Amino acid sequence: QVQLVESGGGLVQAGGSLRLSCAASGRTFTNYAMGWFRQTPGKEREFVASITWSGGRTYYADSVKGRFTVSGDNAKNTADLQMTSLKPEDTAVYYCAADSTYRVITAIRTTPKAYDYWGQGTQVTVSS
């Protein structure tokens, strides 16, 4: 089992920045990648970014490219999401997730079904 805990959410004005952190504990050596998703009421969970532990390859949703940066510290078992130039449409509950499956084709990591473990979520609110 892997436990994930997010932190760093809050209220920020448009154009501002926030940094989210995800701390993993438990059987973390089985994780191959970490992902960040977000969700607003009535909508499906949306991919934001992901990072592989081996090689540190990153992937981003088009909506956040150039504004968000995902990073990981394998030794500390943490994955951060630095968010800049925030917009009101970035308002959502943000979740981190861990994928414990080795994948040759990694495109599936843009979907929630690729991930085995999820954090409880942290609210990000961007005011206009």
Protein backbone atom coordinates (compact mmCIF):
# COMPACT_ATOMS: atom_id res chain seq x y z
CA GLN A 1 0.00 0.00 0.00
CA VAL A 2 1.01 3.57 -0.68
CA GLN A 3 -0.32 6.57 1.17
CA LEU A 4 -0.33 9.98 -0.47
CA VAL A 5 -0.88 13.29 1.27
CA GLU A 6 -1.20 16.59 -0.60
CA SER A 7 -0.54 20.01 0.88
CA GLY A 8 -0.14 23.58 -0.26
CA GLY A 9 -3.56 24.44 -1.60
CA GLY A 10 -5.31 27.68 -0.81
CA LEU A 11 -6.77 30.91 -2.13
CA VAL A 12 -4.76 33.06 -4.54
CA GLN A 13 -5.51 35.93 -6.88
CA ALA A 14 -5.35 35.49 -10.62
CA GLY A 15 -1.79 35.77 -11.84
CA GLY A 16 -0.42 34.45 -8.57
CA SER A 17 1.43 31.26 -7.74
CA LEU A 18 1.01 28.23 -5.52
CA ARG A 19 3.13 25.17 -4.88
CA LEU A 20 1.47 21.87 -4.12
CA SER A 21 3.35 19.01 -2.52
CA CYS A 22 2.59 15.33 -2.41
CA ALA A 23 4.27 13.13 0.18
CA ALA A 24 4.25 9.39 -0.39
CA SER A 25 4.76 6.75 2.27
CA GLY A 26 4.45 2.99 2.47
CA ARG A 27 5.56 0.76 -0.43
CA THR A 28 6.88 3.69 -2.42
CA PHE A 29 9.56 1.63 -4.17
CA THR A 30 6.81 0.11 -6.30
CA ASN A 31 5.89 3.47 -7.85
CA TYR A 32 6.97 4.23 -11.40
CA ALA A 33 5.30 7.58 -11.85
CA MET A 34 3.36 10.27 -10.06
CA GLY A 35 0.52 12.24 -11.52
CA TRP A 36 -1.45 15.34 -10.69
CA PHE A 37 -5.13 15.64 -11.54
CA ARG A 38 -7.82 18.15 -10.74
CA GLN A 39 -11.57 18.04 -10.46
CA THR A 40 -14.41 20.52 -10.20
CA PRO A 41 -17.98 19.67 -9.13
CA GLY A 42 -19.91 17.81 -11.79
CA LYS A 43 -16.89 17.21 -13.99
CA GLU A 44 -14.57 14.29 -14.53
CA ARG A 45 -11.13 14.22 -13.02
CA GLU A 46 -8.76 16.01 -15.40
CA PHE A 47 -5.09 15.26 -16.04
CA VAL A 48 -2.71 18.07 -15.15
CA ALA A 49 0.84 16.69 -15.16
CA SER A 50 2.91 13.60 -14.48
CA ILE A 51 6.51 12.65 -13.85
CA THR A 52 8.32 9.34 -14.06
CA TRP A 53 10.68 8.41 -11.27
CA SER A 54 13.17 6.90 -13.68
CA GLY A 55 14.49 9.60 -15.95
CA GLY A 56 12.23 12.31 -14.59
CA ARG A 57 10.21 12.60 -17.78
CA THR A 58 7.38 15.06 -17.45
CA TYR A 59 4.08 15.44 -19.26
CA TYR A 60 1.59 18.29 -19.11
CA ALA A 61 -1.94 19.01 -20.15
CA ASP A 62 -2.05 21.67 -22.85
CA SER A 63 -4.04 23.92 -20.52
CA VAL A 64 -1.17 24.20 -18.05
CA LYS A 65 1.90 23.95 -20.29
CA GLY A 66 4.27 26.81 -19.68
CA ARG A 67 2.60 27.70 -16.38
CA PHE A 68 2.89 24.58 -14.23
CA THR A 69 6.01 22.58 -13.44
CA VAL A 70 6.03 19.11 -11.91
CA SER A 71 9.08 17.85 -10.07
CA GLY A 72 9.96 14.85 -7.98
CA ASP A 73 12.43 13.87 -5.32
CA ASN A 74 12.85 10.12 -5.37
CA ALA A 75 14.91 10.08 -2.18
CA LYS A 76 12.26 11.96 -0.24
CA ASN A 77 9.31 10.36 -2.04
CA THR A 78 7.75 13.70 -2.81
CA ALA A 79 6.28 15.19 -5.96
CA ASP A 80 5.58 18.89 -6.25
CA LEU A 81 3.48 20.94 -8.61
CA GLN A 82 4.58 24.54 -9.01
CA MET A 83 1.71 26.59 -10.43
CA THR A 84 2.27 30.10 -11.79
CA SER A 85 0.17 32.59 -13.71
CA LEU A 86 -2.89 31.04 -12.15
CA LYS A 87 -6.27 31.63 -13.74
CA PRO A 88 -9.77 31.38 -12.26
CA GLU A 89 -10.34 28.30 -14.43
CA ASP A 90 -7.54 26.55 -12.51
CA THR A 91 -9.84 26.47 -9.48
CA ALA A 92 -10.36 22.84 -8.50
CA VAL A 93 -9.52 20.15 -6.01
CA TYR A 94 -6.06 18.88 -6.92
CA TYR A 95 -5.10 15.26 -6.39
CA CYS A 96 -1.78 13.49 -6.60
CA ALA A 97 -1.66 9.86 -7.64
CA ALA A 98 0.86 7.04 -7.90
CA ASP A 99 1.21 4.50 -10.70
CA SER A 100 2.78 1.21 -9.60
CA THR A 101 2.82 -0.37 -13.06
CA TYR A 102 5.80 -0.39 -15.39
CA ARG A 103 4.56 0.86 -18.75
CA VAL A 104 6.10 0.89 -22.19
CA ILE A 105 3.29 2.99 -23.55
CA THR A 106 2.89 5.84 -21.11
CA ALA A 107 0.08 7.79 -22.73
CA ILE A 108 -2.37 6.08 -20.41
CA ARG A 109 -0.89 8.09 -17.55
CA THR A 110 -2.98 11.03 -18.69
CA THR A 111 -6.03 9.09 -17.48
CA PRO A 112 -7.06 8.35 -13.89
CA LYS A 113 -7.32 4.61 -14.56
CA ALA A 114 -3.52 4.33 -14.80
CA TYR A 115 -3.11 5.17 -11.11
CA ASP A 116 -3.46 2.84 -8.17
CA TYR A 117 -3.21 5.22 -5.26
CA TRP A 118 -4.68 8.66 -4.64
CA GLY A 119 -4.35 11.40 -2.11
CA GLN A 120 -7.30 13.05 -0.41
CA GLY A 121 -7.04 16.22 -2.52
CA THR A 122 -6.30 19.84 -1.76
CA GLN A 123 -8.45 22.80 -2.76
CA VAL A 124 -7.03 25.49 -5.00
CA THR A 125 -9.15 28.60 -5.50
CA VAL A 126 -8.10 31.36 -7.89
CA SER A 127 -10.04 34.60 -7.56
CA SER A 128 -10.45 37.02 -10.45
